[in-house]
């Protein structure tokens, strides 16, 4: 969540405004230094709380990634354990078959006596029969030797797969412990964040709310400006392409109209959009529709719905329609980046993500104590496409 890590402008005017307001209400009194100090203290309290909450939320987001990465590695190790066990079972079954076959051959030779082979050769009445019997004996001996060698090879494979199984079992156990440790740390962070919120005075809490609103407005304005600049650049490039194409058509005597027009429109509504109004540009977008359907649901660490979400849990649901996790912010950062985002793309940085809805805004699950809501795209986020 980049809004939790970058510096914010401090609302220094609040202290002065508070004193000014008091002087208007009580014109016969002169504002005392104590009143000004009180306002400054409230501002400092709000600022300190904001910094503390931002730092804890960033840790919480990174913990979420670490937890689900550990769970994924644990599941992968368990899958490799199952695969190794399957190969062990297959090899053991084949070894049993070979041992039965070789045992039957040995018992047959013992009951028949060792003269059987000599009788087979000496009993041949022609040279052709002798040669044929000789080849038969060689084939039988080679077959026995092959079975013995296969048995040895399979036994070695079984031992190797047992080593793989043991190794992956240890990996799975270790990753499970890591996941449990991360989860315990996250639960402590959630409690600390709740304590920080609860410890704020009413005045400081209001200042904190105003600070966050100002940050959201600044982020939204910056994202809208960047999007508008990208749109202007794309339109300029398209105009240059058409001009070049028309010039080439004139030189070649071609007169047909350009039937390769893709429309070029942005689809975004031209008016301003408040946090509670759905932009016209997202109509019919399934991913965005799902995001709007979850507005107001509480943030909960590790949650993938349906009653609460963390940031990557919300994105996963909106993309898939299933309350299962597609990945973490690290996963999303590896998806194809786009420079001209469309509603339904994903806004992401190293520790936070949301669903882009157009007009420089996204729907996201911000942090503990907050709810799924519309906000400006955070500075430093990139856009990726699923």
Protein backbone atom coordinates (compact mmCIF):
# COMPACT_ATOMS: atom_id res chain seq x y z
CA UNK A 1 0.00 0.00 0.00
CA UNK A 2 2.07 2.87 -1.22
CA UNK A 3 -0.10 5.45 0.49
CA UNK A 4 1.19 4.06 3.75
CA UNK A 5 4.86 4.52 2.96
CA UNK A 6 5.35 7.81 1.11
CA UNK A 7 5.58 11.13 2.99
CA UNK A 8 2.44 13.21 3.23
CA UNK A 9 1.95 17.00 3.46
CA UNK A 10 1.12 17.85 7.03
CA UNK A 11 -1.95 19.95 7.63
CA UNK A 12 -0.12 22.74 9.39
CA UNK A 13 -3.00 25.11 8.86
CA UNK A 14 -5.22 23.14 11.28
CA UNK A 15 -3.69 24.64 14.37
CA UNK A 16 -4.06 28.18 13.07
CA UNK A 17 -7.59 27.53 11.90
CA UNK A 18 -8.58 26.23 15.30
CA UNK A 19 -7.26 29.35 17.02
CA UNK A 20 -8.89 31.60 14.42
CA UNK A 21 -12.23 29.88 14.94
CA UNK A 22 -12.04 30.36 18.68
CA UNK A 23 -11.19 34.03 18.27
CA UNK A 24 -14.29 34.51 16.10
CA UNK A 25 -16.52 32.87 18.68
CA UNK A 26 -14.96 34.78 21.58
CA UNK A 27 -13.92 38.18 20.19
CA UNK A 28 -13.16 39.63 23.61
CA UNK A 29 -10.54 36.96 24.33
CA UNK A 30 -7.07 36.63 22.89
CA UNK A 31 -6.08 33.04 21.86
CA UNK A 32 -3.59 31.75 24.38
CA UNK A 33 -0.49 29.75 23.53
CA UNK A 34 -2.07 26.81 25.35
CA UNK A 35 -4.87 26.60 22.77
CA UNK A 36 -2.42 26.72 19.87
CA UNK A 37 -0.28 24.06 21.48
CA UNK A 38 -3.32 21.86 21.96
CA UNK A 39 -4.21 22.04 18.28
CA UNK A 40 -0.61 21.33 17.31
CA UNK A 41 -0.54 18.40 19.70
CA UNK A 42 -3.68 16.95 18.12
CA UNK A 43 -2.12 17.32 14.68
CA UNK A 44 1.07 15.66 15.90
CA UNK A 45 -0.97 12.85 17.45
CA UNK A 46 -2.79 12.25 14.17
CA UNK A 47 0.44 12.37 12.18
CA UNK A 48 2.18 9.94 14.51
CA UNK A 49 -0.78 7.58 14.38
CA UNK A 50 -0.86 7.73 10.60
CA UNK A 51 2.84 6.92 10.32
CA UNK A 52 2.48 4.07 12.79
CA UNK A 53 -0.55 2.65 11.00
CA UNK A 54 1.16 2.94 7.63
CA UNK A 55 4.23 1.09 8.86
CA UNK A 56 2.16 -1.66 10.45
CA UNK A 57 -0.04 -2.07 7.38
CA UNK A 58 2.98 -2.42 5.12
CA UNK A 59 4.30 -5.14 7.43
CA UNK A 60 0.88 -6.76 7.37
CA UNK A 61 0.72 -6.74 3.57
CA UNK A 62 4.19 -8.24 3.29
CA UNK A 63 3.22 -10.81 5.90
CA UNK A 64 0.23 -11.75 3.76
CA UNK A 65 2.50 -12.40 0.79
CA UNK A 66 4.94 -14.38 2.94
CA UNK A 67 2.12 -16.44 4.44
CA UNK A 68 0.58 -17.47 1.16
CA UNK A 69 3.98 -18.06 -0.45
CA UNK A 70 4.79 -20.40 2.43
CA UNK A 71 1.44 -22.15 2.06
CA UNK A 72 2.03 -22.57 -1.68
CA UNK A 73 5.49 -24.03 -1.11
CA UNK A 74 4.06 -26.33 1.55
CA UNK A 75 1.36 -27.56 -0.84
CA UNK A 76 3.92 -28.04 -3.62
CA UNK A 77 6.14 -30.06 -1.31
CA UNK A 78 3.19 -32.22 -0.27
CA UNK A 79 2.36 -32.78 -3.95
CA UNK A 80 5.95 -33.86 -4.61
CA UNK A 81 5.70 -36.18 -1.62
CA UNK A 82 2.62 -37.80 -3.14
CA UNK A 83 4.36 -38.12 -6.51
CA UNK A 84 7.40 -39.73 -4.91
CA UNK A 85 5.17 -42.13 -2.99
CA UNK A 86 3.41 -43.07 -6.22
CA UNK A 87 6.73 -43.87 -7.89
CA UNK A 88 7.78 -45.88 -4.85
CA UNK A 89 4.57 -47.91 -4.99
CA UNK A 90 4.94 -48.53 -8.74
CA UNK A 91 8.57 -49.60 -8.43
CA UNK A 92 7.85 -51.80 -5.42
CA UNK A 93 5.04 -53.54 -7.30
CA UNK A 94 7.35 -54.22 -10.25
CA UNK A 95 10.07 -55.52 -7.92
CA UNK A 96 7.56 -57.91 -6.39
CA UNK A 97 6.61 -59.19 -9.85
CA UNK A 98 10.25 -59.73 -10.81
CA UNK A 99 11.03 -61.49 -7.57
CA UNK A 100 8.08 -63.83 -8.02
CA UNK A 101 9.17 -64.61 -11.58
CA UNK A 102 12.78 -65.24 -10.62
CA UNK A 103 11.70 -67.33 -7.64
CA UNK A 104 9.50 -69.49 -9.84
CA UNK A 105 12.40 -69.99 -12.28
CA UNK A 106 14.71 -71.01 -9.47
CA UNK A 107 12.21 -73.48 -8.03
CA UNK A 108 11.58 -74.93 -11.49
CA UNK A 109 15.30 -75.40 -12.09
CA UNK A 110 15.71 -77.05 -8.69
CA UNK A 111 12.85 -79.49 -9.27
CA UNK A 112 14.00 -80.33 -12.83
CA UNK A 113 17.64 -80.69 -11.96
CA UNK A 114 20.58 -78.94 -13.59
CA UNK A 115 20.83 -81.65 -16.27
CA UNK A 116 17.82 -80.17 -17.99
CA UNK A 117 19.91 -77.71 -19.96
CA UNK A 118 22.44 -80.36 -20.97
CA UNK A 119 19.64 -82.73 -21.97
CA UNK A 120 18.11 -79.98 -24.06
CA UNK A 121 21.34 -79.56 -26.00
CA UNK A 122 22.34 -83.23 -26.30
CA UNK A 123 18.83 -84.26 -27.19
CA UNK A 124 18.96 -82.28 -30.40
CA UNK A 125 18.91 -84.64 -33.41
CA UNK A 126 20.06 -82.05 -35.96
CA UNK A 127 22.48 -79.17 -35.96
CA UNK A 128 19.62 -76.80 -36.62
CA UNK A 129 17.81 -78.05 -33.51
CA UNK A 130 21.03 -77.76 -31.52
CA UNK A 131 21.53 -74.15 -32.62
CA UNK A 132 17.91 -73.31 -31.91
CA UNK A 133 18.07 -74.83 -28.41
CA UNK A 134 21.33 -72.99 -27.75
CA UNK A 135 19.72 -69.66 -28.68
CA UNK A 136 16.75 -70.46 -26.48
CA UNK A 137 18.98 -71.11 -23.49
CA UNK A 138 20.88 -67.88 -24.12
CA UNK A 139 17.61 -65.95 -24.32
CA UNK A 140 16.39 -67.51 -21.08
CA UNK A 141 19.62 -66.70 -19.29
CA UNK A 142 19.66 -63.16 -20.66
CA UNK A 143 16.06 -62.65 -19.64
CA UNK A 144 16.88 -63.80 -16.12
CA UNK A 145 19.89 -61.51 -16.04
CA UNK A 146 17.79 -58.58 -17.28
CA UNK A 147 15.20 -59.17 -14.59
CA UNK A 148 17.89 -59.26 -11.93
CA UNK A 149 19.39 -56.02 -13.25
CA UNK A 150 15.97 -54.37 -13.44
CA UNK A 151 15.32 -55.39 -9.86
CA UNK A 152 18.58 -53.78 -8.75
CA UNK A 153 17.77 -50.60 -10.67
CA UNK A 154 14.28 -50.39 -9.22
CA UNK A 155 15.58 -50.90 -5.71
CA UNK A 156 17.97 -47.98 -6.22
CA UNK A 157 15.09 -45.87 -7.55
CA UNK A 158 12.99 -46.72 -4.51
CA UNK A 159 15.76 -45.60 -2.17
CA UNK A 160 16.18 -42.38 -4.16
CA UNK A 161 12.45 -41.65 -4.09
CA UNK A 162 12.36 -42.34 -0.36
CA UNK A 163 15.05 -39.69 0.06
CA UNK A 164 12.97 -37.27 -2.05
CA UNK A 165 9.91 -38.06 0.03
CA UNK A 166 11.76 -37.41 3.28
CA UNK A 167 13.24 -34.17 1.95
CA UNK A 168 9.88 -32.84 0.75
CA UNK A 169 8.22 -33.88 3.99
CA UNK A 170 10.78 -31.77 5.87
CA UNK A 171 10.17 -28.85 3.47
CA UNK A 172 6.41 -29.12 3.97
CA UNK A 173 6.82 -29.18 7.75
CA UNK A 174 9.15 -26.18 7.67
CA UNK A 175 6.86 -24.14 5.42
CA UNK A 176 3.87 -24.99 7.59
CA UNK A 177 5.77 -23.68 10.62
CA UNK A 178 6.75 -20.53 8.71
CA UNK A 179 3.13 -19.94 7.74
CA UNK A 180 2.00 -20.37 11.34
CA UNK A 181 4.67 -17.92 12.55
CA UNK A 182 3.69 -15.32 9.95
CA UNK A 183 0.04 -15.72 10.83
CA UNK A 184 0.79 -15.22 14.52
CA UNK A 185 2.81 -12.08 13.72
CA UNK A 186 -0.02 -10.76 11.56
CA UNK A 187 -2.56 -11.29 14.32
CA UNK A 188 -0.37 -9.26 16.67
CA UNK A 189 -0.13 -6.47 14.08
CA UNK A 190 -3.90 -6.41 13.64
CA UNK A 191 -4.33 -6.05 17.40
CA UNK A 192 -1.73 -3.27 17.51
CA UNK A 193 -3.49 -1.41 14.72
CA UNK A 194 -6.80 -1.67 16.55
CA UNK A 195 -5.15 -0.32 19.71
CA UNK A 196 -3.67 2.57 17.73
CA UNK A 197 -7.09 3.48 16.34
CA UNK A 198 -8.76 3.17 19.73
CA UNK A 199 -6.12 5.29 21.45
CA UNK A 200 -6.76 8.31 19.23
CA UNK A 201 -8.69 11.20 20.71
CA UNK A 202 -11.77 12.31 18.80
CA UNK A 203 -9.99 15.41 17.49
CA UNK A 204 -6.95 13.45 16.34
CA UNK A 205 -9.16 10.82 14.73
CA UNK A 206 -10.91 13.54 12.74
CA UNK A 207 -7.57 14.98 11.68
CA UNK A 208 -6.44 11.52 10.63
CA UNK A 209 -9.58 11.13 8.53
CA UNK A 210 -8.98 14.49 6.88
CA UNK A 211 -5.35 13.59 6.23
CA UNK A 212 -6.37 10.37 4.51
CA UNK A 213 -9.03 12.14 2.44
CA UNK A 214 -6.48 14.70 1.28
CA UNK A 215 -4.05 11.93 0.36
CA UNK A 216 -6.75 10.07 -1.55
CA UNK A 217 -7.71 13.23 -3.45
CA UNK A 218 -4.09 13.94 -4.35
CA UNK A 219 -3.52 10.37 -5.49
CA UNK A 220 -6.70 10.40 -7.56
CA UNK A 221 -5.75 13.69 -9.22
CA UNK A 222 -2.27 12.42 -10.04
CA UNK A 223 -3.62 9.18 -11.50
CA UNK A 224 -6.20 11.03 -13.59
CA UNK A 225 -3.53 13.40 -14.89
CA UNK A 226 -1.27 10.49 -15.82
CA UNK A 227 -4.14 8.70 -17.54
CA UNK A 228 -5.11 11.83 -19.47
CA UNK A 229 -1.52 12.33 -20.58
CA UNK A 230 -1.34 8.72 -21.77
CA UNK A 231 -4.62 9.21 -23.65
CA UNK A 232 -3.37 12.40 -25.32
CA UNK A 233 -0.16 10.69 -26.32
CA UNK A 234 -2.05 7.73 -27.79
CA UNK A 235 -4.35 10.07 -29.73
CA UNK A 236 -1.36 12.03 -31.07
CA UNK A 237 0.33 8.83 -32.20
CA UNK A 238 -2.88 7.66 -33.86
CA UNK A 239 -3.28 11.01 -35.65
CA UNK A 240 0.30 10.84 -36.90
CA UNK A 241 -0.27 7.28 -38.12
CA UNK A 242 -3.40 8.29 -40.02
CA UNK A 243 -1.68 11.30 -41.53
CA UNK A 244 1.18 9.11 -42.72
CA UNK A 245 -1.28 6.54 -44.06
CA UNK A 246 -3.26 9.20 -45.95
CA UNK A 247 -0.04 10.62 -47.37
CA UNK A 248 1.01 7.19 -48.59
CA UNK A 249 -2.45 6.58 -50.07
CA UNK A 250 -2.28 9.88 -51.98
CA UNK A 251 1.15 9.09 -53.35
CA UNK A 252 0.02 5.64 -54.46
CA UNK A 253 -3.24 6.87 -55.99
CA UNK A 254 -5.29 4.87 -53.50
CA UNK A 255 -8.58 6.42 -52.57
CA UNK A 256 -10.27 3.95 -50.27
CA UNK A 257 -11.28 4.85 -46.78
CA UNK A 258 -9.43 3.45 -43.80
CA UNK A 259 -11.35 0.40 -42.71
CA UNK A 260 -8.86 -0.44 -39.98
CA UNK A 261 -10.38 1.96 -37.51
CA UNK A 262 -10.49 0.53 -34.04
CA UNK A 263 -12.56 3.32 -32.64
CA UNK A 264 -9.77 4.84 -30.58
CA UNK A 265 -12.13 6.14 -27.92
CA UNK A 266 -11.24 5.78 -24.31
CA UNK A 267 -14.70 4.77 -23.21
CA UNK A 268 -14.18 6.81 -20.06
CA UNK A 269 -16.80 9.29 -18.92
CA UNK A 270 -15.73 12.90 -19.31
CA UNK A 271 -17.18 14.25 -16.09
CA UNK A 272 -15.75 14.03 -12.63
CA UNK A 273 -16.56 11.01 -10.55
CA UNK A 274 -17.00 10.92 -6.81
CA UNK A 275 -16.09 7.90 -4.73
CA UNK A 276 -19.74 6.90 -4.52
CA UNK A 277 -20.62 7.23 -8.20
CA UNK A 278 -19.88 4.45 -10.63
CA UNK A 279 -18.06 5.70 -13.77
CA UNK A 280 -19.96 5.10 -16.98
CA UNK A 281 -16.85 3.58 -18.56
CA UNK A 282 -17.08 0.37 -16.53
CA UNK A 283 -20.57 -0.68 -17.57
CA UNK A 284 -20.67 -4.37 -18.37
CA UNK A 285 -17.16 -5.14 -17.09
CA UNK A 286 -17.53 -8.35 -15.10
CA UNK A 287 -14.36 -7.83 -13.08
CA UNK A 288 -15.37 -4.31 -12.08
CA UNK A 289 -18.97 -5.36 -11.43
CA UNK A 290 -17.70 -7.92 -8.92
CA UNK A 291 -15.53 -5.29 -7.26
CA UNK A 292 -18.49 -2.92 -6.89
CA UNK A 293 -20.51 -5.75 -5.41
CA UNK A 294 -18.04 -6.05 -2.52
CA UNK A 295 -17.97 -2.36 -1.52
CA UNK A 296 -18.30 -1.83 2.20
CA UNK A 297 -17.10 -5.28 3.25
CA UNK A 298 -14.42 -5.18 5.96
CA UNK A 299 -10.73 -5.74 5.45
CA UNK A 300 -9.48 -8.92 7.12
CA UNK A 301 -5.97 -10.23 6.86
CA UNK A 302 -5.79 -13.42 4.79
CA UNK A 303 -9.45 -13.26 3.76
CA UNK A 304 -10.71 -14.14 0.26
CA UNK A 305 -14.39 -13.49 0.94
CA UNK A 306 -17.24 -13.78 0.84
CA UNK A 307 -17.67 -11.66 3.97
CA UNK A 308 -14.28 -9.91 4.14
CA UNK A 309 -11.11 -9.49 2.08
CA UNK A 310 -7.49 -8.50 2.08
CA UNK A 311 -6.14 -6.71 -0.99
CA UNK A 312 -5.01 -9.71 -3.04
CA UNK A 313 -8.01 -11.72 -1.88
CA UNK A 314 -10.36 -9.09 -3.33
CA UNK A 315 -8.44 -8.95 -6.62
CA UNK A 316 -8.44 -12.75 -6.84
CA UNK A 317 -12.20 -12.92 -6.39
CA UNK A 318 -12.91 -10.13 -8.87
CA UNK A 319 -10.79 -11.80 -11.55
CA UNK A 320 -11.95 -15.37 -11.06
CA UNK A 321 -15.40 -15.13 -9.51
CA UNK A 322 -14.21 -17.73 -7.00
CA UNK A 323 -13.30 -17.16 -3.38
CA UNK A 324 -9.87 -18.70 -3.87
CA UNK A 325 -6.57 -16.89 -4.10
CA UNK A 326 -4.96 -16.50 -7.52
CA UNK A 327 -1.75 -15.19 -6.01
CA UNK A 328 -0.19 -12.34 -4.08
CA UNK A 329 1.08 -8.92 -5.12
CA UNK A 330 4.33 -10.60 -6.10
CA UNK A 331 2.38 -12.86 -8.44
CA UNK A 332 0.50 -9.94 -9.98
CA UNK A 333 3.68 -7.91 -10.51
CA UNK A 334 4.83 -10.67 -12.87
CA UNK A 335 1.80 -10.32 -15.14
CA UNK A 336 1.98 -8.34 -18.42
CA UNK A 337 2.26 -4.60 -17.77
CA UNK A 338 0.05 -2.17 -19.70
CA UNK A 339 0.60 1.55 -20.23
CA UNK A 340 -2.97 2.46 -21.21
CA UNK A 341 -5.08 0.69 -18.57
CA UNK A 342 -8.70 -0.29 -18.98
CA UNK A 343 -11.32 -0.91 -16.30
CA UNK A 344 -10.77 -4.40 -14.98
CA UNK A 345 -6.96 -4.21 -15.11
CA UNK A 346 -5.06 -4.53 -11.85
CA UNK A 347 -3.19 -1.71 -10.06
CA UNK A 348 -0.30 -3.14 -8.06
CA UNK A 349 2.96 -2.36 -6.32
CA UNK A 350 5.21 -4.54 -4.21
CA UNK A 351 2.77 -4.80 -1.32
CA UNK A 352 -0.70 -3.65 -2.38
CA UNK A 353 -3.18 -4.10 -5.22
CA UNK A 354 -6.65 -3.13 -6.39
CA UNK A 355 -9.04 -3.33 -9.34
CA UNK A 356 -8.79 -0.39 -11.75
CA UNK A 357 -12.21 1.13 -12.54
CA UNK A 358 -11.23 4.07 -14.73
CA UNK A 359 -10.76 7.81 -14.16
CA UNK A 360 -7.65 7.22 -12.04
CA UNK A 361 -9.58 5.22 -9.45
CA UNK A 362 -9.52 1.70 -8.10
CA UNK A 363 -11.53 -0.50 -5.76
CA UNK A 364 -9.38 -2.09 -3.08
CA UNK A 365 -9.32 -3.49 0.44
CA UNK A 366 -7.10 -0.86 2.09
CA UNK A 367 -6.12 -2.05 5.54
CA UNK A 368 -7.19 -3.37 8.90
CA UNK A 369 -10.02 -1.31 10.33
CA UNK A 370 -11.16 -0.15 6.91
CA UNK A 371 -13.58 -1.48 4.28
CA UNK A 372 -13.51 -2.23 0.56
CA UNK A 373 -13.88 1.15 -1.12
CA UNK A 374 -13.12 3.37 -4.09
CA UNK A 375 -9.85 5.31 -3.91
CA UNK A 376 -7.38 7.01 -6.17
CA UNK A 377 -4.73 4.78 -7.71
CA UNK A 378 -1.66 5.07 -5.50
CA UNK A 379 1.45 6.78 -6.77
CA UNK A 380 4.04 4.27 -7.93
CA UNK A 381 1.55 1.56 -8.84
CA UNK A 382 1.79 -0.17 -12.20
CA UNK A 383 -1.05 -1.62 -14.26
CA UNK A 384 -1.11 -5.29 -15.19
CA UNK A 385 -3.55 -7.44 -17.13
CA UNK A 386 -4.68 -10.95 -16.23
